[in-house]
Amino acid sequence: MSGKKTNKNNKITKNTSAKRSDERTSNAKSTENKNGSRILPVIAGVVIIAAVAAVAVTRFGGSGGGEDQSASRSSSSDAQTAGAVVIDTSEIGETASYYDYDADGTTVEVLAVTASDGSVRLALNTCQVCQGSPYAYFVQEGDSFICQNCKNVFSRDDIGLEAGGCNPVPVTEDNYEESDGVITISSDFLDGYKESFTNWKKA
């Protein structure tokens, strides 16, 4: 009798183990299905984002960007063609403004200031006698401009008018054009004074 009971118990144990094993397998498959159902939308989302990014790069990073840069370079080139130095007269006041021109590697500087009557005066920032000296440039002190080489002093009312002597080299109406409040100075005129600025060492 005890032998038969043992066999029955063994069968029950085997059946219970089999059921538990089946339950674990079923739970594992259920978990895999749930995880799979969660992962699929994430993968689909990543694929969609990548596709949108690729389209954006093609549209905005390709030929469109190149056209914008080309337009920017063209504008710069047009400004150079229009004139060597272009000055907005609204920028000019009692305190001098300075504008640099590159004459084949040599800086030629223009100074612009208003006289006491409000008129615009233009000159090259070098002394007509001292030009060529490293210190032949002017520093403004109040209403006066002082040559740093010969120390001669000139009123801002004389800038752009007086020729000869130690005055700043005048830039007259023959050397520039004015239209709609914009002054354009001739590059030929500025190139002609390249040698006057070769040794120039403005502080």
N, C-alpha and C. Protein backbone atom coordinates (compact mmCIF):
# COMPACT_ATOMS: atom_id res chain seq x y z
N MET A 1 0.84 -1.20 0.00
CA MET A 1 0.00 0.00 0.00
C MET A 1 0.87 1.24 0.00
N SER A 2 1.90 1.27 0.82
CA SER A 2 2.76 2.46 0.90
C SER A 2 3.43 2.74 -0.43
N GLY A 3 3.73 1.68 -1.19
CA GLY A 3 4.35 1.86 -2.52
C GLY A 3 3.45 2.55 -3.46
N LYS A 4 2.14 2.23 -3.46
CA LYS A 4 1.17 2.84 -4.36
C LYS A 4 0.99 4.32 -4.03
N LYS A 5 0.93 4.61 -2.69
CA LYS A 5 0.78 6.02 -2.29
C LYS A 5 1.96 6.85 -2.76
N THR A 6 3.14 6.30 -2.65
CA THR A 6 4.35 7.01 -3.09
C THR A 6 4.28 7.31 -4.57
N ASN A 7 3.83 6.37 -5.37
CA ASN A 7 3.71 6.60 -6.81
C ASN A 7 2.73 7.71 -7.11
N LYS A 8 1.60 7.67 -6.35
CA LYS A 8 0.60 8.73 -6.57
C LYS A 8 1.18 10.10 -6.22
N ASN A 9 1.91 10.15 -5.08
CA ASN A 9 2.52 11.43 -4.68
C ASN A 9 3.52 11.93 -5.71
N ASN A 10 4.28 10.99 -6.27
CA ASN A 10 5.26 11.37 -7.29
C ASN A 10 4.56 11.94 -8.51
N LYS A 11 3.41 11.31 -8.89
CA LYS A 11 2.67 11.79 -10.04
C LYS A 11 2.13 13.19 -9.80
N ILE A 12 1.63 13.39 -8.56
CA ILE A 12 1.09 14.73 -8.22
C ILE A 12 2.18 15.78 -8.27
N THR A 13 3.36 15.42 -7.73
CA THR A 13 4.50 16.36 -7.74
C THR A 13 4.92 16.70 -9.15
N LYS A 14 4.97 15.66 -10.01
CA LYS A 14 5.36 15.88 -11.41
C LYS A 14 4.35 16.77 -12.11
N ASN A 15 3.05 16.53 -11.86
CA ASN A 15 2.00 17.34 -12.49
C ASN A 15 2.09 18.79 -12.04
N THR A 16 2.33 18.97 -10.72
CA THR A 16 2.44 20.35 -10.17
C THR A 16 3.63 21.07 -10.78
N SER A 17 4.76 20.36 -10.89
CA SER A 17 5.96 20.96 -11.49
C SER A 17 5.73 21.33 -12.93
N ALA A 18 5.03 20.47 -13.65
CA ALA A 18 4.75 20.72 -15.07
C ALA A 18 3.88 21.95 -15.22
N LYS A 19 2.85 22.04 -14.29
CA LYS A 19 1.95 23.21 -14.37
C LYS A 19 2.73 24.50 -14.12
N ARG A 20 3.61 24.44 -13.09
CA ARG A 20 4.40 25.65 -12.77
C ARG A 20 5.31 26.03 -13.94
N SER A 21 5.91 25.01 -14.55
CA SER A 21 6.79 25.27 -15.70
C SER A 21 6.02 25.91 -16.84
N ASP A 22 4.78 25.37 -17.07
CA ASP A 22 3.95 25.94 -18.14
C ASP A 22 3.57 27.38 -17.83
N GLU A 23 3.27 27.62 -16.51
CA GLU A 23 2.90 28.98 -16.12
C GLU A 23 4.05 29.95 -16.34
N ARG A 24 5.28 29.51 -15.97
CA ARG A 24 6.46 30.38 -16.15
C ARG A 24 6.69 30.68 -17.63
N THR A 25 6.54 29.62 -18.46
CA THR A 25 6.71 29.80 -19.91
C THR A 25 5.69 30.78 -20.45
N SER A 26 4.44 30.61 -19.97
CA SER A 26 3.35 31.50 -20.43
C SER A 26 3.61 32.92 -20.00
N ASN A 27 4.05 33.10 -18.73
CA ASN A 27 4.34 34.46 -18.22
C ASN A 27 5.48 35.10 -18.99
N ALA A 28 6.52 34.30 -19.30
CA ALA A 28 7.67 34.81 -20.06
C ALA A 28 7.24 35.28 -21.43
N LYS A 29 6.37 34.44 -22.10
CA LYS A 29 5.89 34.83 -23.43
C LYS A 29 5.05 36.09 -23.35
N SER A 30 4.23 36.18 -22.27
CA SER A 30 3.39 37.37 -22.09
C SER A 30 4.25 38.61 -21.91
N THR A 31 5.33 38.45 -21.10
CA THR A 31 6.25 39.59 -20.87
C THR A 31 6.94 39.99 -22.16
N GLU A 32 7.36 38.97 -22.94
CA GLU A 32 8.02 39.27 -24.21
C GLU A 32 7.08 40.01 -25.14
N ASN A 33 5.81 39.56 -25.16
CA ASN A 33 4.82 40.23 -26.03
C ASN A 33 4.60 41.67 -25.61
N LYS A 34 4.52 41.89 -24.26
CA LYS A 34 4.31 43.25 -23.76
C LYS A 34 5.50 44.15 -24.09
N ASN A 35 6.73 43.60 -23.84
CA ASN A 35 7.94 44.38 -24.14
C ASN A 35 8.04 44.69 -25.62
N GLY A 36 7.67 43.66 -26.43
CA GLY A 36 7.72 43.86 -27.88
C GLY A 36 6.76 44.94 -28.31
N SER A 37 5.56 44.93 -27.71
CA SER A 37 4.55 45.93 -28.08
C SER A 37 4.97 47.32 -27.66
N ARG A 38 5.79 47.41 -26.58
CA ARG A 38 6.29 48.72 -26.15
C ARG A 38 7.45 49.21 -27.02
N ILE A 39 8.32 48.29 -27.41
CA ILE A 39 9.52 48.65 -28.16
C ILE A 39 9.19 49.07 -29.59
N LEU A 40 8.21 48.41 -30.21
CA LEU A 40 7.89 48.69 -31.61
C LEU A 40 7.54 50.17 -31.85
N PRO A 41 6.65 50.80 -31.03
CA PRO A 41 6.36 52.23 -31.26
C PRO A 41 7.59 53.10 -31.10
N VAL A 42 8.48 52.75 -30.14
CA VAL A 42 9.71 53.54 -29.93
C VAL A 42 10.59 53.49 -31.17
N ILE A 43 10.76 52.27 -31.73
CA ILE A 43 11.58 52.11 -32.94
C ILE A 43 10.97 52.89 -34.09
N ALA A 44 9.65 52.80 -34.21
CA ALA A 44 8.96 53.52 -35.30
C ALA A 44 9.17 55.02 -35.15
N GLY A 45 9.10 55.52 -33.90
CA GLY A 45 9.31 56.96 -33.66
C GLY A 45 10.70 57.40 -34.04
N VAL A 46 11.72 56.60 -33.68
CA VAL A 46 13.11 56.92 -34.02
C VAL A 46 13.30 56.99 -35.53
N VAL A 47 12.71 56.03 -36.24
CA VAL A 47 12.83 56.00 -37.70
C VAL A 47 12.21 57.25 -38.32
N ILE A 48 11.03 57.67 -37.80
CA ILE A 48 10.36 58.86 -38.33
C ILE A 48 11.19 60.11 -38.09
N ILE A 49 11.74 60.24 -36.86
CA ILE A 49 12.58 61.42 -36.53
C ILE A 49 13.80 61.48 -37.43
N ALA A 50 14.44 60.33 -37.66
CA ALA A 50 15.63 60.29 -38.52
C ALA A 50 15.28 60.72 -39.94
N ALA A 51 14.12 60.28 -40.43
CA ALA A 51 13.71 60.64 -41.79
C ALA A 51 13.46 62.14 -41.90
N VAL A 52 12.78 62.72 -40.88
CA VAL A 52 12.51 64.17 -40.89
C VAL A 52 13.81 64.96 -40.85
N ALA A 53 14.77 64.52 -40.01
CA ALA A 53 16.07 65.21 -39.91
C ALA A 53 16.81 65.17 -41.24
N ALA A 54 16.75 64.04 -41.92
CA ALA A 54 17.44 63.91 -43.22
C ALA A 54 16.86 64.88 -44.23
N VAL A 55 15.53 65.03 -44.23
CA VAL A 55 14.89 65.96 -45.17
C VAL A 55 15.29 67.39 -44.85
N ALA A 56 15.33 67.72 -43.53
CA ALA A 56 15.69 69.08 -43.12
C ALA A 56 17.11 69.43 -43.53
N VAL A 57 18.03 68.47 -43.33
CA VAL A 57 19.44 68.71 -43.71
C VAL A 57 19.56 68.94 -45.20
N THR A 58 18.84 68.13 -45.98
CA THR A 58 18.89 68.26 -47.44
C THR A 58 18.36 69.60 -47.89
N ARG A 59 17.25 70.03 -47.26
CA ARG A 59 16.59 71.26 -47.71
C ARG A 59 17.34 72.51 -47.28
N PHE A 60 17.79 72.54 -46.01
CA PHE A 60 18.36 73.78 -45.47
C PHE A 60 19.87 73.77 -45.42
N GLY A 61 20.49 72.60 -45.42
CA GLY A 61 21.95 72.55 -45.33
C GLY A 61 22.61 72.41 -46.67
N GLY A 62 21.83 72.25 -47.73
CA GLY A 62 22.41 72.03 -49.05
C GLY A 62 22.48 73.29 -49.85
N SER A 63 21.82 73.28 -51.01
CA SER A 63 21.95 74.39 -51.95
C SER A 63 21.41 75.68 -51.37
N GLY A 64 20.38 75.61 -50.50
CA GLY A 64 19.82 76.84 -49.95
C GLY A 64 20.85 77.63 -49.18
N GLY A 65 21.63 76.93 -48.27
CA GLY A 65 22.65 77.61 -47.49
C GLY A 65 23.71 78.21 -48.38
N GLY A 66 24.10 77.50 -49.42
CA GLY A 66 25.12 78.01 -50.33
C GLY A 66 24.68 79.28 -51.00
N GLU A 67 23.38 79.37 -51.37
CA GLU A 67 22.88 80.56 -52.03
C GLU A 67 22.94 81.76 -51.11
N ASP A 68 22.60 81.56 -49.79
CA ASP A 68 22.64 82.66 -48.84
C ASP A 68 24.06 83.19 -48.69
N GLN A 69 25.05 82.28 -48.55
CA GLN A 69 26.43 82.71 -48.40
C GLN A 69 26.90 83.43 -49.65
N SER A 70 26.51 82.95 -50.80
CA SER A 70 26.90 83.60 -52.05
C SER A 70 26.34 85.01 -52.12
N ALA A 71 25.07 85.17 -51.68
CA ALA A 71 24.44 86.50 -51.70
C ALA A 71 25.18 87.44 -50.78
N SER A 72 25.62 86.91 -49.60
CA SER A 72 26.35 87.74 -48.65
C SER A 72 27.68 88.18 -49.25
N ARG A 73 28.38 87.27 -49.91
CA ARG A 73 29.65 87.62 -50.53
C ARG A 73 29.44 88.62 -51.66
N SER A 74 28.36 88.49 -52.40
CA SER A 74 28.08 89.40 -53.50
C SER A 74 27.83 90.81 -52.98
N SER A 75 27.10 90.91 -51.85
CA SER A 75 26.83 92.22 -51.27
C SER A 75 28.13 92.91 -50.89
N SER A 76 29.05 92.14 -50.27
CA SER A 76 30.33 92.68 -49.87
C SER A 76 31.11 93.15 -51.08
N SER A 77 31.09 92.32 -52.12
CA SER A 77 31.80 92.66 -53.35
C SER A 77 31.22 93.93 -53.97
N ASP A 78 29.87 94.06 -53.97
CA ASP A 78 29.24 95.24 -54.54
C ASP A 78 29.65 96.50 -53.78
N ALA A 79 29.77 96.40 -52.45
CA ALA A 79 30.17 97.55 -51.64
C ALA A 79 31.58 97.99 -52.01
N GLN A 80 32.48 97.01 -52.25
CA GLN A 80 33.85 97.33 -52.64
C GLN A 80 33.86 98.00 -54.01
N THR A 81 33.01 97.50 -54.91
CA THR A 81 32.96 98.05 -56.25
C THR A 81 32.41 99.47 -56.24
N ALA A 82 31.45 99.71 -55.33
CA ALA A 82 30.81 101.02 -55.27
C ALA A 82 31.79 102.11 -54.86
N GLY A 83 32.78 101.78 -54.04
CA GLY A 83 33.75 102.78 -53.63
C GLY A 83 34.71 102.24 -52.61
N ALA A 84 35.86 102.89 -52.48
CA ALA A 84 36.89 102.44 -51.56
C ALA A 84 36.45 102.64 -50.13
N VAL A 85 35.94 103.81 -49.80
CA VAL A 85 35.46 104.11 -48.46
C VAL A 85 34.06 104.70 -48.59
N VAL A 86 33.11 104.08 -47.91
CA VAL A 86 31.73 104.55 -47.94
C VAL A 86 31.35 105.01 -46.53
N ILE A 87 30.91 106.27 -46.41
CA ILE A 87 30.63 106.86 -45.10
C ILE A 87 29.20 107.37 -45.04
N ASP A 88 28.49 106.95 -44.00
CA ASP A 88 27.15 107.47 -43.74
C ASP A 88 27.32 108.79 -42.98
N THR A 89 26.85 109.89 -43.55
CA THR A 89 27.07 111.20 -42.93
C THR A 89 26.40 111.32 -41.55
N SER A 90 25.41 110.46 -41.28
CA SER A 90 24.76 110.51 -39.96
C SER A 90 25.69 110.05 -38.85
N GLU A 91 26.78 109.37 -39.22
CA GLU A 91 27.76 108.90 -38.23
C GLU A 91 28.75 109.98 -37.84
N ILE A 92 28.80 111.06 -38.60
CA ILE A 92 29.84 112.07 -38.42
C ILE A 92 29.37 113.15 -37.44
N GLY A 93 30.26 113.49 -36.50
CA GLY A 93 29.94 114.52 -35.51
C GLY A 93 31.16 115.36 -35.16
N GLU A 94 31.10 116.06 -34.04
CA GLU A 94 32.21 116.93 -33.61
C GLU A 94 33.44 116.12 -33.20
N THR A 95 33.23 114.89 -32.77
CA THR A 95 34.35 113.99 -32.49
C THR A 95 34.63 113.19 -33.75
N ALA A 96 35.86 113.22 -34.19
CA ALA A 96 36.22 112.60 -35.48
C ALA A 96 35.93 111.11 -35.52
N SER A 97 35.49 110.65 -36.69
CA SER A 97 35.36 109.23 -36.99
C SER A 97 36.47 108.87 -37.97
N TYR A 98 36.96 107.63 -37.88
CA TYR A 98 38.08 107.21 -38.71
C TYR A 98 37.67 106.00 -39.55
N TYR A 99 38.13 105.99 -40.81
CA TYR A 99 37.78 104.93 -41.76
C TYR A 99 39.06 104.46 -42.45
N ASP A 100 39.33 103.15 -42.36
CA ASP A 100 40.54 102.58 -42.94
C ASP A 100 40.30 102.03 -44.34
N TYR A 101 41.29 102.24 -45.20
CA TYR A 101 41.26 101.69 -46.56
C TYR A 101 42.52 100.87 -46.77
N ASP A 102 42.37 99.67 -47.30
CA ASP A 102 43.51 98.79 -47.54
C ASP A 102 44.04 99.02 -48.96
N ALA A 103 45.19 99.66 -49.04
CA ALA A 103 45.84 99.90 -50.34
C ALA A 103 46.95 98.87 -50.53
N ASP A 104 46.56 97.69 -50.99
CA ASP A 104 47.52 96.60 -51.20
C ASP A 104 48.35 96.31 -49.96
N GLY A 105 47.68 96.22 -48.80
CA GLY A 105 48.38 95.88 -47.56
C GLY A 105 48.78 97.07 -46.72
N THR A 106 48.68 98.27 -47.26
CA THR A 106 49.00 99.49 -46.50
C THR A 106 47.70 100.18 -46.10
N THR A 107 47.58 100.51 -44.82
CA THR A 107 46.37 101.16 -44.33
C THR A 107 46.43 102.66 -44.59
N VAL A 108 45.45 103.14 -45.34
CA VAL A 108 45.28 104.58 -45.57
C VAL A 108 44.04 104.98 -44.77
N GLU A 109 44.20 105.94 -43.85
CA GLU A 109 43.09 106.28 -42.95
C GLU A 109 42.49 107.64 -43.30
N VAL A 110 41.17 107.66 -43.31
CA VAL A 110 40.40 108.89 -43.55
C VAL A 110 39.79 109.32 -42.22
N LEU A 111 39.86 110.63 -41.93
CA LEU A 111 39.15 111.13 -40.76
C LEU A 111 38.01 112.03 -41.23
N ALA A 112 36.89 111.94 -40.53
CA ALA A 112 35.70 112.73 -40.88
C ALA A 112 35.20 113.40 -39.61
N VAL A 113 34.87 114.70 -39.73
CA VAL A 113 34.42 115.47 -38.58
C VAL A 113 33.51 116.58 -39.07
N THR A 114 32.64 117.07 -38.21
CA THR A 114 31.82 118.23 -38.60
C THR A 114 32.49 119.50 -38.09
N ALA A 115 32.44 120.56 -38.90
CA ALA A 115 32.95 121.87 -38.50
C ALA A 115 31.92 122.53 -37.58
N SER A 116 32.26 123.72 -37.07
CA SER A 116 31.35 124.41 -36.15
C SER A 116 30.03 124.80 -36.81
N ASP A 117 30.04 124.91 -38.16
CA ASP A 117 28.80 125.25 -38.87
C ASP A 117 27.98 124.00 -39.24
N GLY A 118 28.45 122.81 -38.82
CA GLY A 118 27.72 121.58 -39.09
C GLY A 118 28.09 120.89 -40.39
N SER A 119 28.92 121.52 -41.20
CA SER A 119 29.32 120.91 -42.47
C SER A 119 30.32 119.78 -42.23
N VAL A 120 30.29 118.80 -43.13
CA VAL A 120 31.18 117.65 -43.01
C VAL A 120 32.54 117.97 -43.61
N ARG A 121 33.60 117.63 -42.87
CA ARG A 121 34.97 117.83 -43.35
C ARG A 121 35.69 116.49 -43.39
N LEU A 122 36.42 116.26 -44.48
CA LEU A 122 37.14 115.01 -44.67
C LEU A 122 38.62 115.28 -44.94
N ALA A 123 39.48 114.42 -44.42
CA ALA A 123 40.92 114.54 -44.66
C ALA A 123 41.57 113.18 -44.46
N LEU A 124 42.75 113.02 -45.04
CA LEU A 124 43.56 111.84 -44.73
C LEU A 124 44.26 112.10 -43.41
N ASN A 125 44.34 111.08 -42.58
CA ASN A 125 44.94 111.27 -41.26
C ASN A 125 46.46 111.20 -41.34
N THR A 126 47.02 112.16 -42.09
CA THR A 126 48.47 112.33 -42.14
C THR A 126 48.78 113.78 -42.49
N CYS A 127 49.93 114.25 -42.03
CA CYS A 127 50.34 115.64 -42.23
C CYS A 127 50.94 115.81 -43.63
N GLN A 128 50.60 116.91 -44.30
CA GLN A 128 51.07 117.12 -45.68
C GLN A 128 52.58 117.29 -45.76
N VAL A 129 53.19 117.80 -44.70
CA VAL A 129 54.65 117.97 -44.68
C VAL A 129 55.32 116.73 -44.08
N CYS A 130 54.73 116.22 -43.01
CA CYS A 130 55.34 115.11 -42.27
C CYS A 130 55.02 113.74 -42.85
N GLN A 131 54.14 113.67 -43.85
CA GLN A 131 53.73 112.37 -44.35
C GLN A 131 54.93 111.50 -44.72
N GLY A 132 54.87 110.26 -44.33
CA GLY A 132 56.01 109.34 -44.50
C GLY A 132 56.65 109.06 -43.16
N SER A 133 56.46 109.97 -42.20
CA SER A 133 56.98 109.75 -40.86
C SER A 133 56.06 108.76 -40.12
N PRO A 134 56.61 107.93 -39.24
CA PRO A 134 55.78 106.99 -38.49
C PRO A 134 54.72 107.69 -37.63
N TYR A 135 54.99 108.95 -37.25
CA TYR A 135 54.08 109.65 -36.34
C TYR A 135 53.34 110.80 -37.01
N ALA A 136 53.25 110.75 -38.31
CA ALA A 136 52.55 111.81 -39.05
C ALA A 136 51.05 111.53 -39.08
N TYR A 137 50.44 111.54 -37.92
CA TYR A 137 48.99 111.38 -37.80
C TYR A 137 48.48 112.34 -36.73
N PHE A 138 47.17 112.59 -36.74
CA PHE A 138 46.58 113.60 -35.86
C PHE A 138 45.77 112.98 -34.75
N VAL A 139 45.88 113.63 -33.57
CA VAL A 139 45.08 113.25 -32.41
C VAL A 139 44.20 114.44 -32.06
N GLN A 140 42.92 114.18 -31.87
CA GLN A 140 41.99 115.26 -31.56
C GLN A 140 41.99 115.56 -30.06
N GLU A 141 42.05 116.85 -29.76
CA GLU A 141 41.90 117.33 -28.39
C GLU A 141 40.91 118.48 -28.42
N GLY A 142 39.68 118.22 -28.00
CA GLY A 142 38.63 119.22 -28.08
C GLY A 142 38.32 119.56 -29.52
N ASP A 143 38.44 120.86 -29.87
CA ASP A 143 38.18 121.30 -31.24
C ASP A 143 39.45 121.34 -32.09
N SER A 144 40.54 120.84 -31.57
CA SER A 144 41.83 120.90 -32.26
C SER A 144 42.36 119.52 -32.61
N PHE A 145 43.18 119.49 -33.69
CA PHE A 145 43.87 118.29 -34.11
C PHE A 145 45.37 118.57 -34.08
N ILE A 146 46.12 117.67 -33.44
CA ILE A 146 47.55 117.88 -33.23
C ILE A 146 48.34 116.80 -33.97
N CYS A 147 49.27 117.23 -34.83
CA CYS A 147 50.16 116.29 -35.52
C CYS A 147 51.13 115.70 -34.51
N GLN A 148 51.23 114.39 -34.46
CA GLN A 148 52.08 113.73 -33.48
C GLN A 148 53.56 113.73 -33.87
N ASN A 149 53.85 114.27 -35.06
CA ASN A 149 55.25 114.38 -35.49
C ASN A 149 55.78 115.79 -35.30
N CYS A 150 55.10 116.80 -35.89
CA CYS A 150 55.57 118.19 -35.80
C CYS A 150 54.89 118.99 -34.70
N LYS A 151 53.83 118.42 -34.11
CA LYS A 151 53.09 119.03 -33.01
C LYS A 151 52.30 120.27 -33.40
N ASN A 152 52.16 120.55 -34.68
CA ASN A 152 51.33 121.67 -35.11
C ASN A 152 49.86 121.36 -34.79
N VAL A 153 49.12 122.44 -34.49
CA VAL A 153 47.73 122.30 -34.06
C VAL A 153 46.81 122.95 -35.10
N PHE A 154 45.69 122.24 -35.43
CA PHE A 154 44.75 122.75 -36.42
C PHE A 154 43.33 122.64 -35.90
N SER A 155 42.53 123.64 -36.20
CA SER A 155 41.12 123.64 -35.80
C SER A 155 40.33 122.67 -36.68
N ARG A 156 39.27 122.11 -36.13
CA ARG A 156 38.44 121.22 -36.94
C ARG A 156 37.75 122.00 -38.06
N ASP A 157 37.65 123.33 -37.92
CA ASP A 157 37.06 124.13 -39.00
C ASP A 157 37.97 124.21 -40.22
N ASP A 158 39.27 123.90 -40.00
CA ASP A 158 40.23 123.96 -41.12
C ASP A 158 40.39 122.61 -41.82
N ILE A 159 39.91 121.55 -41.17
CA ILE A 159 40.06 120.21 -41.74
C ILE A 159 39.35 120.13 -43.10
N GLY A 160 40.07 119.59 -44.08
CA GLY A 160 39.47 119.37 -45.40
C GLY A 160 39.45 120.60 -46.29
N LEU A 161 39.93 121.74 -45.77
CA LEU A 161 39.92 122.99 -46.56
C LEU A 161 41.32 123.46 -46.90
N GLU A 162 42.18 123.46 -45.90
CA GLU A 162 43.52 124.02 -46.07
C GLU A 162 44.45 123.03 -46.77
N ALA A 163 45.07 123.48 -47.85
CA ALA A 163 46.06 122.66 -48.56
C ALA A 163 47.44 123.25 -48.35
N GLY A 164 48.46 122.40 -48.37
CA GLY A 164 49.82 122.89 -48.17
C GLY A 164 50.16 122.97 -46.68
N GLY A 165 51.44 123.17 -46.38
CA GLY A 165 51.87 123.26 -44.98
C GLY A 165 51.70 121.93 -44.27
N CYS A 166 51.48 122.03 -42.95
CA CYS A 166 51.37 120.82 -42.13
C CYS A 166 49.93 120.39 -41.88
N ASN A 167 49.01 120.91 -42.66
CA ASN A 167 47.61 120.53 -42.50
C ASN A 167 47.41 119.05 -42.85
N PRO A 168 46.34 118.44 -42.31
CA PRO A 168 45.97 117.10 -42.78
C PRO A 168 45.66 117.16 -44.28
N VAL A 169 45.99 116.11 -45.01
CA VAL A 169 45.75 116.08 -46.45
C VAL A 169 44.24 116.17 -46.69
N PRO A 170 43.76 117.23 -47.34
CA PRO A 170 42.31 117.39 -47.51
C PRO A 170 41.73 116.40 -48.52
N VAL A 171 40.50 115.96 -48.24
CA VAL A 171 39.73 115.17 -49.19
C VAL A 171 38.60 116.08 -49.66
N THR A 172 38.74 116.61 -50.87
CA THR A 172 37.80 117.61 -51.37
C THR A 172 36.67 116.96 -52.17
N GLU A 173 35.73 117.78 -52.59
CA GLU A 173 34.58 117.26 -53.35
C GLU A 173 35.00 116.63 -54.67
N ASP A 174 36.18 116.97 -55.16
CA ASP A 174 36.69 116.35 -56.39
C ASP A 174 37.06 114.89 -56.17
N ASN A 175 37.27 114.52 -54.92
CA ASN A 175 37.75 113.18 -54.60
C ASN A 175 36.67 112.24 -54.09
N TYR A 176 35.45 112.73 -53.97
CA TYR A 176 34.37 111.85 -53.49
C TYR A 176 33.03 112.27 -54.09
N GLU A 177 32.07 111.38 -53.96
CA GLU A 177 30.70 111.65 -54.39
C GLU A 177 29.77 111.52 -53.19
N GLU A 178 28.73 112.34 -53.16
CA GLU A 178 27.76 112.26 -52.07
C GLU A 178 26.36 112.12 -52.65
N SER A 179 25.63 111.15 -52.12
CA SER A 179 24.26 110.91 -52.59
C SER A 179 23.43 110.32 -51.46
N ASP A 180 22.30 110.94 -51.18
CA ASP A 180 21.38 110.46 -50.14
C ASP A 180 22.07 110.24 -48.80
N GLY A 181 22.93 111.19 -48.43
CA GLY A 181 23.59 111.11 -47.13
C GLY A 181 24.71 110.11 -47.04
N VAL A 182 25.18 109.61 -48.19
CA VAL A 182 26.29 108.65 -48.20
C VAL A 182 27.43 109.21 -49.05
N ILE A 183 28.62 109.22 -48.46
CA ILE A 183 29.82 109.72 -49.14
C ILE A 183 30.66 108.53 -49.60
N THR A 184 31.04 108.55 -50.87
CA THR A 184 31.89 107.50 -51.43
C THR A 184 33.18 108.13 -51.94
N ILE A 185 34.30 107.73 -51.32
CA ILE A 185 35.60 108.31 -51.67
C ILE A 185 36.26 107.45 -52.74
N SER A 186 36.83 108.12 -53.73
CA SER A 186 37.47 107.44 -54.86
C SER A 186 38.66 106.59 -54.42
N SER A 187 38.67 105.33 -54.88
CA SER A 187 39.81 104.46 -54.58
C SER A 187 41.08 104.94 -55.27
N ASP A 188 40.96 105.55 -56.44
CA ASP A 188 42.14 106.07 -57.14
C ASP A 188 42.83 107.14 -56.31
N PHE A 189 42.03 107.99 -55.69
CA PHE A 189 42.58 109.04 -54.82
C PHE A 189 43.32 108.43 -53.63
N LEU A 190 42.72 107.46 -52.98
CA LEU A 190 43.33 106.85 -51.79
C LEU A 190 44.58 106.05 -52.15
N ASP A 191 44.53 105.33 -53.26
CA ASP A 191 45.70 104.56 -53.70
C ASP A 191 46.89 105.48 -53.98
N GLY A 192 46.60 106.70 -54.40
CA GLY A 192 47.66 107.66 -54.70
C GLY A 192 48.44 108.10 -53.47
N TYR A 193 47.89 107.86 -52.27
CA TYR A 193 48.56 108.26 -51.03
C TYR A 193 49.10 107.07 -50.25
N LYS A 194 49.19 105.93 -50.89
CA LYS A 194 49.70 104.73 -50.23
C LYS A 194 51.08 104.96 -49.61
N GLU A 195 51.98 105.59 -50.37
CA GLU A 195 53.35 105.79 -49.90
C GLU A 195 53.41 106.68 -48.67
N SER A 196 52.43 107.56 -48.51
CA SER A 196 52.41 108.47 -47.35
C SER A 196 52.13 107.71 -46.05
N PHE A 197 51.59 106.50 -46.16
CA PHE A 197 51.22 105.74 -44.97
C PHE A 197 52.08 104.48 -44.77
N THR A 198 53.09 104.29 -45.60
CA THR A 198 53.88 103.07 -45.55
C THR A 198 54.55 102.88 -44.18
N ASN A 199 55.09 103.96 -43.61
CA ASN A 199 55.80 103.88 -42.32
C ASN A 199 54.92 104.32 -41.13
N TRP A 200 53.67 104.53 -41.40
CA TRP A 200 52.71 105.07 -40.43
C TRP A 200 52.55 104.11 -39.26
N LYS A 201 52.68 104.63 -38.04
CA LYS A 201 52.57 103.79 -36.84
C LYS A 201 51.64 104.44 -35.83
N LYS A 202 50.40 104.59 -36.25
CA LYS A 202 49.43 105.19 -35.33
C LYS A 202 49.28 104.33 -34.09
N ALA A 203 49.33 104.97 -32.91
CA ALA A 203 49.24 104.25 -31.63
C ALA A 203 47.84 103.68 -31.44
